Amino acid sequence: MPSPLFERIALEGSPPVLLDAAMGTELTRRGADTSPPLWSARALTSAPDLVRQIHAEAVLAGAEILTACTFRTHVRNLVASGLAPEKARDASRSLAKRAVALARTACGALEAQREIWIAGSLAPLEDCYRPDLVPDDSDLTREHRWQALHLAEAGADLILIETMNTLREAVAAHRAVIETGLPGLLSFVTDGNGSLLSGEPLIDAAKAVILDLPAPLAIGVNCIPARRVGGELERLAAALPGVPLLAYGNLGRPLDGSGEHYTDPVDPESYAALAADWTKLGLRVAGSCCGTGSRHTAALSLRFRPR
């Protein structure tokens, strides 16, 4: 039976489903420790109330999908942070539960008058911008399977596979999500010119993923400058007609550690105007990535659901 989210994405003539903005950016702006290797996941233990508050602000801004703060809670990330390997898997499971619960609590406290879904984030095992660091296939299979299972056990409604920079890892992550029985979304990070950071064609990677059924509910790009998103969606739309697309662009690379200054800034209203153009290409899930915040979500909401 199709999930309610599938039906919402597939509803012809409806506005795109709104994904939230960048949790890590908001945490940085408010003084939370987002240093590597855990990045935003540090706040699950050091500032959980702040995580909950940012989720709540996303709901008030109009988000329909909240992304749980699990971008860096894979077992290997926790080991890299200094946790003993024999304790890392239990810690990964515990953090997934906490992350999903914080998002769920934020929704409950607001009693939103619309359906809101909680997505577990399934990120690359290593650096998003370093495809040369992607582990071998056996590690990809095992570790993404663990993380996807932890997110399912935590009660996530779906899993967002994001910032994939190689075909191999995208396929491994998608297969791990399929095993959970949860619906998934899948997003690649590219050079803005049709290739993953690995050099593999975006179209080849997207086709490889949708060969595994069930396919993601939507497929697209994230973590590239917003003004480069349209070209990538054009490529996907031409190669995969009828496949629902997703996109959440960023404001470029950070220029400092403040969370305020980026190489390709786009104000919220201009970002929403770009996203409106993306809908003509088949965009069905729209959000915003690094450098953005609830103002970008609110601008998207106002553009697609004017009051």
Protein backbone atom coordinates (compact mmCIF):
# COMPACT_ATOMS: atom_id res chain seq x y z
CA MET A 1 0.00 0.00 0.00
CA PRO A 2 1.46 3.42 -0.93
CA SER A 3 2.53 5.54 2.02
CA PRO A 4 0.68 8.81 2.72
CA LEU A 5 3.88 10.65 1.84
CA PHE A 6 4.02 8.88 -1.52
CA GLU A 7 0.45 9.93 -2.19
CA ARG A 8 1.25 13.50 -1.17
CA ILE A 9 4.30 13.65 -3.47
CA ALA A 10 2.38 12.07 -6.35
CA LEU A 11 -0.69 14.32 -6.00
CA GLU A 12 -0.90 16.05 -9.36
CA GLY A 13 -1.22 19.81 -9.22
CA SER A 14 -0.33 20.06 -5.53
CA PRO A 15 2.56 22.20 -4.26
CA PRO A 16 5.82 20.45 -3.43
CA VAL A 17 6.31 18.88 -0.03
CA LEU A 18 8.43 21.22 2.10
CA LEU A 19 11.60 19.91 3.70
CA ASP A 20 13.19 21.82 6.56
CA ALA A 21 16.35 23.97 6.38
CA ALA A 22 19.88 23.40 7.68
CA MET A 23 20.02 22.17 11.28
CA GLY A 24 23.82 22.42 11.45
CA THR A 25 23.84 26.04 10.30
CA GLU A 26 21.27 27.06 12.89
CA LEU A 27 23.17 25.27 15.64
CA THR A 28 26.38 27.05 14.68
CA ARG A 29 24.67 30.43 14.58
CA ARG A 30 23.41 29.90 18.12
CA GLY A 31 26.75 28.92 19.58
CA ALA A 32 26.45 25.12 19.71
CA ASP A 33 29.58 23.03 19.21
CA THR A 34 29.38 21.64 15.67
CA SER A 35 33.02 20.66 15.30
CA PRO A 36 34.04 17.50 13.42
CA PRO A 37 33.79 14.57 13.36
CA LEU A 38 30.24 14.67 14.78
CA TRP A 39 29.20 18.10 13.52
CA SER A 40 25.50 18.73 14.30
CA ALA A 41 25.14 15.39 16.11
CA ARG A 42 27.09 16.79 19.07
CA ALA A 43 24.04 18.84 19.97
CA LEU A 44 22.00 15.70 20.63
CA THR A 45 23.82 15.41 23.93
CA SER A 46 25.17 18.93 24.49
CA ALA A 47 22.14 21.01 23.44
CA PRO A 48 19.04 18.85 22.93
CA ASP A 49 16.64 21.66 23.81
CA LEU A 50 18.19 23.78 21.06
CA VAL A 51 17.72 20.96 18.56
CA ARG A 52 14.07 20.71 19.59
CA GLN A 53 13.65 24.49 19.30
CA ILE A 54 15.07 24.56 15.77
CA HIS A 55 12.71 21.75 14.75
CA ALA A 56 9.79 23.69 16.21
CA GLU A 57 10.77 26.81 14.29
CA ALA A 58 10.86 24.75 11.08
CA VAL A 59 7.32 23.55 11.73
CA LEU A 60 6.11 27.10 12.36
CA ALA A 61 7.83 28.18 9.14
CA GLY A 62 5.86 25.59 7.17
CA ALA A 63 8.08 22.50 6.94
CA GLU A 64 6.27 19.21 6.35
CA ILE A 65 9.34 16.98 6.74
CA LEU A 66 11.68 17.41 9.69
CA THR A 67 15.12 15.87 9.32
CA ALA A 68 16.28 14.17 12.51
CA CYS A 69 19.74 15.25 13.63
CA THR A 70 21.48 12.00 12.62
CA PHE A 71 23.79 13.23 9.86
CA ARG A 72 26.85 12.09 11.81
CA THR A 73 25.70 9.27 14.08
CA HIS A 74 27.03 6.30 12.11
CA VAL A 75 29.10 3.92 14.18
CA ARG A 76 32.33 4.97 12.48
CA ASN A 77 31.63 8.64 13.22
CA LEU A 78 31.29 7.85 16.91
CA VAL A 79 34.50 5.81 16.90
CA ALA A 80 36.25 8.71 15.18
CA SER A 81 35.07 10.96 18.01
CA GLY A 82 36.86 8.75 20.53
CA LEU A 83 34.18 6.27 21.57
CA ALA A 84 35.32 2.69 22.05
CA PRO A 85 34.24 0.48 19.09
CA GLU A 86 32.44 -1.98 21.37
CA LYS A 87 30.21 0.86 22.63
CA ALA A 88 29.68 2.70 19.38
CA ARG A 89 26.79 0.68 17.98
CA ASP A 90 24.68 1.01 21.13
CA ALA A 91 25.49 4.73 21.16
CA SER A 92 24.48 5.07 17.51
CA ARG A 93 21.14 3.40 18.23
CA SER A 94 20.58 5.59 21.30
CA LEU A 95 21.36 8.81 19.42
CA ALA A 96 19.01 7.86 16.61
CA LYS A 97 16.20 7.38 19.13
CA ARG A 98 16.98 10.70 20.77
CA ALA A 99 17.13 12.55 17.45
CA VAL A 100 13.79 11.20 16.20
CA ALA A 101 12.18 11.82 19.59
CA LEU A 102 13.33 15.45 19.65
CA ALA A 103 11.78 16.06 16.23
CA ARG A 104 8.59 14.23 17.22
CA THR A 105 8.32 16.18 20.48
CA ALA A 106 8.68 19.48 18.64
CA CYS A 107 5.72 18.55 16.43
CA GLY A 108 3.61 17.39 19.34
CA ALA A 109 4.21 20.52 21.36
CA LEU A 110 2.98 22.69 18.50
CA GLU A 111 -0.04 20.55 17.59
CA ALA A 112 0.50 21.37 13.92
CA GLN A 113 -2.66 21.40 11.83
CA ARG A 114 -1.09 19.39 9.02
CA GLU A 115 0.71 16.08 8.71
CA ILE A 116 4.43 16.24 9.47
CA TRP A 117 6.84 13.43 8.71
CA ILE A 118 10.11 12.72 10.51
CA ALA A 119 13.00 11.74 8.25
CA GLY A 120 16.09 10.05 9.54
CA SER A 121 19.20 11.42 7.86
CA LEU A 122 21.43 8.80 6.24
CA ALA A 123 24.68 10.54 5.30
CA PRO A 124 27.93 9.39 3.68
CA LEU A 125 30.12 7.36 6.01
CA GLU A 126 33.03 9.71 5.41
CA ASP A 127 33.42 13.31 4.19
CA CYS A 128 30.63 14.56 1.91
CA TYR A 129 33.17 16.31 -0.31
CA ARG A 130 35.75 13.50 -0.38
CA PRO A 131 34.62 10.65 -2.64
CA ASP A 132 38.15 9.27 -2.44
CA LEU A 133 37.46 8.34 1.19
CA VAL A 134 34.37 6.20 0.47
CA PRO A 135 34.93 2.76 2.11
CA ASP A 136 34.78 -0.57 0.32
CA ASP A 137 31.47 -2.20 -0.53
CA SER A 138 31.36 -4.52 2.46
CA ASP A 139 31.75 -1.62 4.90
CA LEU A 140 29.14 0.41 3.03
CA THR A 141 26.64 -2.42 3.16
CA ARG A 142 27.19 -3.26 6.82
CA GLU A 143 27.35 0.27 8.23
CA HIS A 144 24.47 1.75 6.26
CA ARG A 145 22.38 -1.29 7.18
CA TRP A 146 23.09 -0.62 10.87
CA GLN A 147 22.22 3.07 10.58
CA ALA A 148 19.06 2.51 8.57
CA LEU A 149 17.92 -0.10 11.09
CA HIS A 150 18.60 2.28 13.98
CA LEU A 151 16.50 4.97 12.30
CA ALA A 152 13.66 2.55 11.66
CA GLU A 153 13.77 1.30 15.25
CA ALA A 154 13.72 4.91 16.45
CA GLY A 155 10.37 5.47 14.72
CA ALA A 156 11.36 7.55 11.70
CA ASP A 157 8.62 7.83 9.08
CA LEU A 158 11.10 7.77 6.22
CA ILE A 159 14.83 7.94 5.58
CA LEU A 160 16.53 10.78 3.72
CA ILE A 161 19.67 9.52 1.99
CA GLU A 162 21.56 12.73 1.41
CA THR A 163 24.75 14.24 0.03
CA MET A 164 25.82 11.06 -1.76
CA ASN A 165 29.00 11.69 -3.74
CA THR A 166 29.51 8.25 -5.37
CA LEU A 167 27.27 5.79 -7.17
CA ARG A 168 28.47 2.90 -4.98
CA GLU A 169 27.52 4.50 -1.70
CA ALA A 170 24.18 5.75 -2.96
CA VAL A 171 23.20 2.25 -4.06
CA ALA A 172 24.39 0.71 -0.77
CA ALA A 173 22.46 3.25 1.28
CA HIS A 174 19.31 2.83 -0.80
CA ARG A 175 19.41 -0.95 -0.43
CA ALA A 176 19.80 -0.53 3.32
CA VAL A 177 16.67 1.63 3.40
CA ILE A 178 14.72 -0.88 1.31
CA GLU A 179 15.54 -3.56 3.90
CA THR A 180 13.85 -1.51 6.63
CA GLY A 181 10.58 -1.27 4.70
CA LEU A 182 10.53 2.51 5.15
CA PRO A 183 10.08 4.89 2.23
CA GLY A 184 13.13 6.87 1.23
CA LEU A 185 14.28 10.02 -0.50
CA LEU A 186 17.70 10.16 -2.15
CA SER A 187 19.87 13.15 -2.94
CA PHE A 188 23.30 13.53 -4.56
CA VAL A 189 25.94 16.23 -4.21
CA THR A 190 27.40 17.21 -7.57
CA ASP A 191 29.84 19.61 -9.18
CA GLY A 192 26.90 21.58 -10.54
CA ASN A 193 27.69 20.44 -14.06
CA GLY A 194 26.13 17.00 -14.23
CA SER A 195 28.71 14.89 -12.36
CA LEU A 196 28.93 13.56 -8.84
CA LEU A 197 32.03 14.64 -6.95
CA SER A 198 33.44 11.22 -7.85
CA GLY A 199 33.30 12.23 -11.52
CA GLU A 200 30.51 9.75 -12.27
CA PRO A 201 27.60 11.16 -14.30
CA LEU A 202 24.64 12.16 -12.14
CA ILE A 203 22.28 10.46 -14.58
CA ASP A 204 24.15 7.15 -14.35
CA ALA A 205 23.98 7.26 -10.56
CA ALA A 206 20.28 8.12 -10.52
CA LYS A 207 19.46 5.31 -12.95
CA ALA A 208 21.48 2.83 -10.88
CA VAL A 209 19.47 3.71 -7.78
CA ILE A 210 16.02 3.42 -9.34
CA LEU A 211 16.87 -0.04 -10.68
CA ASP A 212 16.43 -1.27 -7.09
CA LEU A 213 12.75 -1.49 -6.28
CA PRO A 214 11.06 0.07 -4.50
CA ALA A 215 12.63 3.22 -5.90
CA PRO A 216 13.02 6.32 -3.72
CA LEU A 217 9.92 8.48 -3.43
CA ALA A 218 11.93 11.27 -5.03
CA ILE A 219 15.50 11.71 -6.22
CA GLY A 220 17.56 14.85 -6.62
CA VAL A 221 20.42 17.04 -5.44
CA ASN A 222 21.47 18.92 -2.35
CA CYS A 223 24.43 20.80 -0.89
CA ILE A 224 25.26 22.64 -4.12
CA PRO A 225 24.78 26.39 -4.67
CA ALA A 226 21.12 27.15 -5.23
CA ARG A 227 21.75 28.80 -8.59
CA ARG A 228 23.28 25.54 -9.89
CA VAL A 229 20.37 23.34 -8.84
CA GLY A 230 18.15 24.06 -11.84
CA GLY A 231 20.65 22.70 -14.35
CA GLU A 232 20.98 19.43 -12.45
CA LEU A 233 17.21 19.05 -12.23
CA GLU A 234 16.93 19.67 -15.97
CA ARG A 235 19.31 16.77 -16.56
CA LEU A 236 17.37 14.48 -14.24
CA ALA A 237 14.01 15.46 -15.72
CA ALA A 238 15.21 14.78 -19.26
CA ALA A 239 16.72 11.40 -18.41
CA LEU A 240 14.07 10.21 -15.95
CA PRO A 241 10.72 11.55 -17.19
CA GLY A 242 7.99 11.29 -14.60
CA VAL A 243 10.33 10.57 -11.67
CA PRO A 244 9.56 12.94 -8.76
CA LEU A 245 12.48 15.26 -8.06
CA LEU A 246 13.77 16.79 -4.85
CA ALA A 247 16.21 19.62 -4.24
CA TYR A 248 17.64 21.60 -1.37
CA GLY A 249 20.42 23.92 -2.41
CA ASN A 250 22.93 25.73 -0.25
CA LEU A 251 24.51 29.17 -0.20
CA GLY A 252 27.94 27.95 -1.22
CA ARG A 253 30.92 27.26 1.01
CA PRO A 254 31.22 28.97 4.41
CA LEU A 255 33.65 31.88 4.54
CA ASP A 256 34.08 31.68 8.31
CA GLY A 257 32.78 29.75 11.30
CA SER A 258 29.87 32.04 12.10
CA GLY A 259 27.19 30.34 10.02
CA GLU A 260 26.42 33.72 8.43
CA HIS A 261 28.78 34.23 5.49
CA TYR A 262 28.88 32.07 2.35
CA THR A 263 30.35 32.22 -1.14
CA ASP A 264 26.99 32.13 -3.00
CA PRO A 265 24.42 33.87 -0.80
CA VAL A 266 20.76 33.86 -1.82
CA ASP A 267 18.15 35.69 0.24
CA PRO A 268 15.02 33.73 1.21
CA GLU A 269 12.70 35.37 -1.31
CA SER A 270 15.14 34.85 -4.19
CA TYR A 271 15.63 31.26 -3.12
CA ALA A 272 11.88 30.68 -3.20
CA ALA A 273 11.71 32.19 -6.69
CA LEU A 274 14.39 29.75 -7.86
CA ALA A 275 12.45 26.86 -6.34
CA ALA A 276 9.30 27.96 -8.16
CA ASP A 277 11.21 27.51 -11.42
CA TRP A 278 12.35 24.06 -10.29
CA THR A 279 8.73 22.94 -9.93
CA LYS A 280 8.36 23.31 -13.70
CA LEU A 281 10.94 20.52 -14.02
CA GLY A 282 9.10 18.12 -11.73
CA LEU A 283 10.26 19.22 -8.28
CA ARG A 284 8.08 17.50 -5.68
CA VAL A 285 10.15 17.91 -2.49
CA ALA A 286 11.71 21.31 -1.82
CA GLY A 287 13.95 22.44 1.02
CA SER A 288 17.15 24.35 1.65
CA CYS A 289 20.59 23.34 2.82
CA CYS A 290 23.79 24.77 4.38
CA GLY A 291 23.66 28.47 5.15
CA THR A 292 19.87 28.61 5.23
CA GLY A 293 17.40 28.72 8.09
CA SER A 294 13.74 28.97 8.96
CA ARG A 295 13.41 32.20 6.95
CA HIS A 296 14.16 30.24 3.79
CA THR A 297 11.57 27.63 4.77
CA ALA A 298 9.02 30.36 5.45
CA ALA A 299 9.72 31.94 2.06
CA LEU A 300 9.16 28.59 0.35
CA SER A 301 5.94 28.11 2.29
CA LEU A 302 4.68 31.55 1.35
CA ARG A 303 5.59 31.02 -2.31
CA PHE A 304 3.81 27.66 -2.58
CA ARG A 305 1.02 28.17 -0.03
CA PRO A 306 0.19 31.88 -0.04
CA ARG A 307 -2.12 32.83 2.78
